[in-house]
Amino acid sequence: MEKAMEVKQAEYIGSFVRQDHCPKDEKPEYAFIGRSNVGKSSLINYLVGRKELAKVSKKPGKTQTLNYYLVNQDWYLVDLPGYGYAKVSQQQRASWMKMIEYYLSKREVLQCAFVLLDANIPLQANDLQFMNWLGQKQVPFVIVFTKCDRSSKLALDKNLRNIRAQLSAHWQTLPEQFISSASKSKGREEILEFIDGINRQYFDFQAENPGPPKNQV
């Protein structure tokens, strides 16, 4: 197995509410999304090796925009608002989902969505609904199980088996999955290696075919 990419630089670029305001430099993008408080900010900071690049909060609904982070001057990590519970109005949540769905289904340089699931709880209805929507829209995605340090191995394995069984009722082939824990340093190399592999394909394709290629997953 090749060594995972080295993250030498990661910087916050900006927050946007409309796709046409997002960067136009045609660098590949990877979106991170999940239910509120699934551990998204902690995972992002862990991946890029920065403790406070993405702000960690115990209050659901903190992320309300498309937050862009440029990594190694090569690719963007895009932090999307969480879905599910948040102390905001129903109208505000609907506005977020409209923004999220438009970005995910229309953004040409988006290579893959990383859907974060809490490994310690059963699959939630809104998680399944969201992943099925991604499938219907043909948006490539993978699953990252977060907070894998909080249960015993026996309990964790049982819950993951149950989640996979539920997903198999809707999907003939399950998306690729990663096991992660920021506190126990699990999953980072595998996720970065996955991104690095897609980036290589992207830049090779771009060199031969100028313009934004479609996702490579």
Protein backbone atom coordinates (compact mmCIF):
# COMPACT_ATOMS: atom_id res chain seq x y z
CA MET A 1 0.00 0.00 0.00
CA GLU A 2 1.30 3.39 -0.93
CA LYS A 3 2.01 5.88 1.80
CA ALA A 4 -0.84 8.33 2.38
CA MET A 5 -0.37 11.85 1.15
CA GLU A 6 1.41 14.26 3.43
CA VAL A 7 -0.70 17.27 4.35
CA LYS A 8 1.78 20.12 4.26
CA GLN A 9 -0.69 23.00 4.19
CA ALA A 10 -4.35 23.57 4.94
CA GLU A 11 -6.08 26.93 5.03
CA TYR A 12 -9.58 28.30 5.29
CA ILE A 13 -10.60 29.95 2.02
CA GLY A 14 -14.12 31.17 2.65
CA SER A 15 -17.77 30.40 3.36
CA PHE A 16 -20.43 30.54 0.67
CA VAL A 17 -24.18 30.09 0.41
CA ARG A 18 -24.34 29.88 -3.38
CA GLN A 19 -22.45 27.57 -5.67
CA ASP A 20 -21.72 30.35 -8.18
CA HIS A 21 -19.79 32.16 -5.43
CA CYS A 22 -17.55 29.14 -4.75
CA PRO A 23 -13.96 28.91 -6.07
CA LYS A 24 -13.65 28.72 -9.83
CA ASP A 25 -10.11 27.35 -10.12
CA GLU A 26 -11.34 23.83 -11.02
CA LYS A 27 -9.48 22.06 -8.23
CA PRO A 28 -11.09 18.77 -7.11
CA GLU A 29 -13.46 19.00 -4.16
CA TYR A 30 -14.49 16.55 -1.44
CA ALA A 31 -17.61 17.29 0.59
CA PHE A 32 -18.00 16.20 4.22
CA ILE A 33 -21.51 15.91 5.60
CA GLY A 34 -23.48 14.09 8.29
CA ARG A 35 -26.06 14.53 11.01
CA SER A 36 -25.48 17.38 13.43
CA ASN A 37 -22.79 16.59 16.01
CA VAL A 38 -21.55 13.47 14.21
CA GLY A 39 -17.95 14.63 14.66
CA LYS A 40 -17.41 16.32 11.32
CA SER A 41 -15.20 19.19 12.50
CA SER A 42 -13.07 16.85 14.61
CA LEU A 43 -12.53 14.55 11.61
CA ILE A 44 -11.62 17.46 9.33
CA ASN A 45 -9.06 18.78 11.83
CA TYR A 46 -7.66 15.27 12.27
CA LEU A 47 -7.27 14.73 8.52
CA VAL A 48 -5.39 17.98 7.92
CA GLY A 49 -3.42 17.85 11.15
CA ARG A 50 -4.74 21.16 12.49
CA LYS A 51 -6.48 21.36 15.85
CA GLU A 52 -8.72 24.35 15.16
CA LEU A 53 -9.00 24.71 11.39
CA ALA A 54 -12.66 23.70 11.57
CA LYS A 55 -14.37 24.96 14.72
CA VAL A 56 -15.62 22.17 16.96
CA SER A 57 -18.89 22.85 18.76
CA LYS A 58 -21.28 20.84 20.92
CA LYS A 59 -24.13 23.00 19.67
CA PRO A 60 -25.91 21.46 16.68
CA GLY A 61 -26.26 23.58 13.58
CA LYS A 62 -23.05 25.57 13.91
CA THR A 63 -22.03 25.05 10.27
CA GLN A 64 -24.48 26.99 8.12
CA THR A 65 -22.56 27.56 4.88
CA LEU A 66 -20.34 25.79 2.37
CA ASN A 67 -17.00 26.13 4.16
CA TYR A 68 -13.95 25.73 1.92
CA TYR A 69 -10.51 24.57 3.05
CA LEU A 70 -7.65 24.38 0.56
CA VAL A 71 -5.27 21.48 1.17
CA ASN A 72 -1.71 21.44 -0.24
CA GLN A 73 -2.79 24.08 -2.76
CA ASP A 74 -4.22 21.13 -4.73
CA TRP A 75 -7.72 20.25 -3.54
CA TYR A 76 -10.63 21.50 -1.46
CA LEU A 77 -12.22 19.95 1.56
CA VAL A 78 -15.76 21.35 1.76
CA ASP A 79 -17.52 21.31 5.12
CA LEU A 80 -21.30 21.21 4.59
CA PRO A 81 -24.01 21.97 7.17
CA GLY A 82 -25.21 18.98 9.14
CA TYR A 83 -28.68 17.61 8.61
CA GLY A 84 -31.03 16.51 11.35
CA TYR A 85 -31.58 18.23 14.67
CA ALA A 86 -30.58 21.85 15.04
CA LYS A 87 -32.04 24.71 17.05
CA VAL A 88 -33.10 26.66 13.99
CA SER A 89 -36.42 27.18 12.29
CA GLN A 90 -37.87 24.66 9.88
CA GLN A 91 -37.54 27.31 7.17
CA GLN A 92 -33.83 27.69 7.90
CA ARG A 93 -33.28 23.92 7.78
CA ALA A 94 -35.13 23.77 4.46
CA SER A 95 -32.89 26.53 3.12
CA TRP A 96 -29.78 24.61 4.20
CA MET A 97 -30.96 21.43 2.49
CA LYS A 98 -31.75 23.30 -0.70
CA MET A 99 -28.22 24.74 -0.69
CA ILE A 100 -26.68 21.33 0.10
CA GLU A 101 -28.68 19.45 -2.52
CA TYR A 102 -27.94 22.01 -5.21
CA TYR A 103 -24.23 21.92 -4.45
CA LEU A 104 -24.00 18.13 -4.37
CA SER A 105 -25.99 17.55 -7.54
CA LYS A 106 -24.62 20.42 -9.65
CA ARG A 107 -20.99 20.96 -8.64
CA GLU A 108 -18.92 19.58 -11.51
CA VAL A 109 -15.59 19.48 -9.66
CA LEU A 110 -17.05 17.59 -6.70
CA GLN A 111 -15.34 14.20 -6.74
CA CYS A 112 -16.92 12.49 -3.77
CA ALA A 113 -19.13 13.11 -0.73
CA PHE A 114 -18.01 11.69 2.60
CA VAL A 115 -21.11 10.79 4.61
CA LEU A 116 -20.30 10.58 8.31
CA LEU A 117 -22.21 8.12 10.50
CA ASP A 118 -21.86 7.75 14.27
CA ALA A 119 -20.57 4.20 14.73
CA ASN A 120 -22.15 3.90 18.18
CA ILE A 121 -25.83 4.28 17.28
CA PRO A 122 -28.22 2.51 14.88
CA LEU A 123 -28.62 3.82 11.37
CA GLN A 124 -30.92 6.84 11.50
CA ALA A 125 -33.81 7.34 9.08
CA ASN A 126 -32.47 10.67 7.83
CA ASP A 127 -29.04 9.09 7.17
CA LEU A 128 -30.63 6.40 5.02
CA GLN A 129 -32.87 8.92 3.27
CA PHE A 130 -29.92 11.17 2.50
CA MET A 131 -27.74 8.36 1.13
CA ASN A 132 -30.60 7.08 -1.01
CA TRP A 133 -31.00 10.61 -2.39
CA LEU A 134 -27.29 10.66 -3.27
CA GLY A 135 -27.78 7.40 -5.12
CA GLN A 136 -30.78 8.70 -7.02
CA LYS A 137 -28.82 11.79 -8.06
CA GLN A 138 -25.77 9.64 -8.91
CA VAL A 139 -23.54 11.57 -6.54
CA PRO A 140 -20.52 9.39 -5.64
CA PHE A 141 -20.14 8.95 -1.91
CA VAL A 142 -18.36 6.90 0.72
CA ILE A 143 -19.17 6.33 4.39
CA VAL A 144 -16.99 7.30 7.33
CA PHE A 145 -17.92 5.76 10.67
CA THR A 146 -16.93 8.26 13.38
CA LYS A 147 -16.30 8.07 17.12
CA CYS A 148 -15.18 4.44 16.86
CA ASP A 149 -13.35 4.67 20.18
CA ARG A 150 -16.50 5.07 22.25
CA SER A 151 -17.77 1.48 22.19
CA SER A 152 -16.22 -1.90 22.84
CA LYS A 153 -15.03 -3.78 19.78
CA LEU A 154 -17.86 -6.31 20.23
CA ALA A 155 -20.56 -3.61 20.41
CA LEU A 156 -18.99 -1.66 17.56
CA ASP A 157 -18.78 -4.68 15.25
CA LYS A 158 -22.40 -5.61 16.02
CA ASN A 159 -23.68 -2.12 15.25
CA LEU A 160 -21.70 -1.86 12.02
CA ARG A 161 -23.02 -5.26 10.89
CA ASN A 162 -26.57 -4.07 11.54
CA ILE A 163 -25.99 -0.83 9.63
CA ARG A 164 -24.52 -2.70 6.65
CA ALA A 165 -27.45 -5.12 6.67
CA GLN A 166 -29.92 -2.22 6.57
CA LEU A 167 -28.02 -0.57 3.75
CA SER A 168 -27.91 -3.83 1.81
CA ALA A 169 -31.70 -3.81 1.68
CA HIS A 170 -31.45 -0.68 -0.50
CA TRP A 171 -28.10 -1.12 -2.25
CA GLN A 172 -26.78 -4.05 -4.26
CA THR A 173 -23.21 -2.85 -3.71
CA LEU A 174 -22.36 -0.88 -0.61
CA PRO A 175 -20.21 2.25 -0.90
CA GLU A 176 -16.65 2.14 0.37
CA GLN A 177 -16.41 2.56 4.14
CA PHE A 178 -13.81 3.93 6.54
CA ILE A 179 -13.49 3.45 10.30
CA SER A 180 -12.28 6.59 12.05
CA SER A 181 -11.48 8.00 15.44
CA ALA A 182 -9.71 11.31 15.85
CA SER A 183 -8.86 10.59 19.48
CA LYS A 184 -7.42 7.14 18.70
CA SER A 185 -5.75 8.16 15.41
CA LYS A 186 -7.71 5.76 13.23
CA GLY A 187 -8.68 6.14 9.59
CA ARG A 188 -6.60 9.14 8.57
CA GLU A 189 -4.14 7.38 6.28
CA GLU A 190 -6.85 5.36 4.56
CA ILE A 191 -9.03 8.39 3.85
CA LEU A 192 -6.13 10.51 2.60
CA GLU A 193 -4.89 7.65 0.42
CA PHE A 194 -8.37 7.39 -1.08
CA ILE A 195 -8.46 11.12 -1.85
CA ASP A 196 -4.94 11.03 -3.23
CA GLY A 197 -5.87 8.26 -5.64
CA ILE A 198 -8.80 10.24 -7.02
CA ASN A 199 -6.68 13.39 -7.27
CA ARG A 200 -4.14 11.55 -9.40
CA GLN A 201 -6.86 10.45 -11.80
CA TYR A 202 -8.35 13.93 -11.83
CA PHE A 203 -5.13 15.74 -12.68
CA ASP A 204 -4.12 13.13 -15.26
CA PHE A 205 -7.50 13.53 -16.94
CA GLN A 206 -7.34 17.31 -16.72
CA ALA A 207 -3.91 17.35 -18.36
CA GLU A 208 -5.31 15.49 -21.34
CA ASN A 209 -8.75 17.12 -21.37
CA PRO A 210 -8.78 20.80 -20.33
CA GLY A 211 -11.83 21.82 -18.35
CA PRO A 212 -13.48 20.34 -15.23
CA PRO A 213 -13.79 16.54 -15.51
CA LYS A 214 -16.67 14.77 -13.86
CA ASN A 215 -16.08 12.90 -10.62
CA GLN A 216 -13.75 9.93 -10.73
CA VAL A 217 -15.38 7.65 -8.14
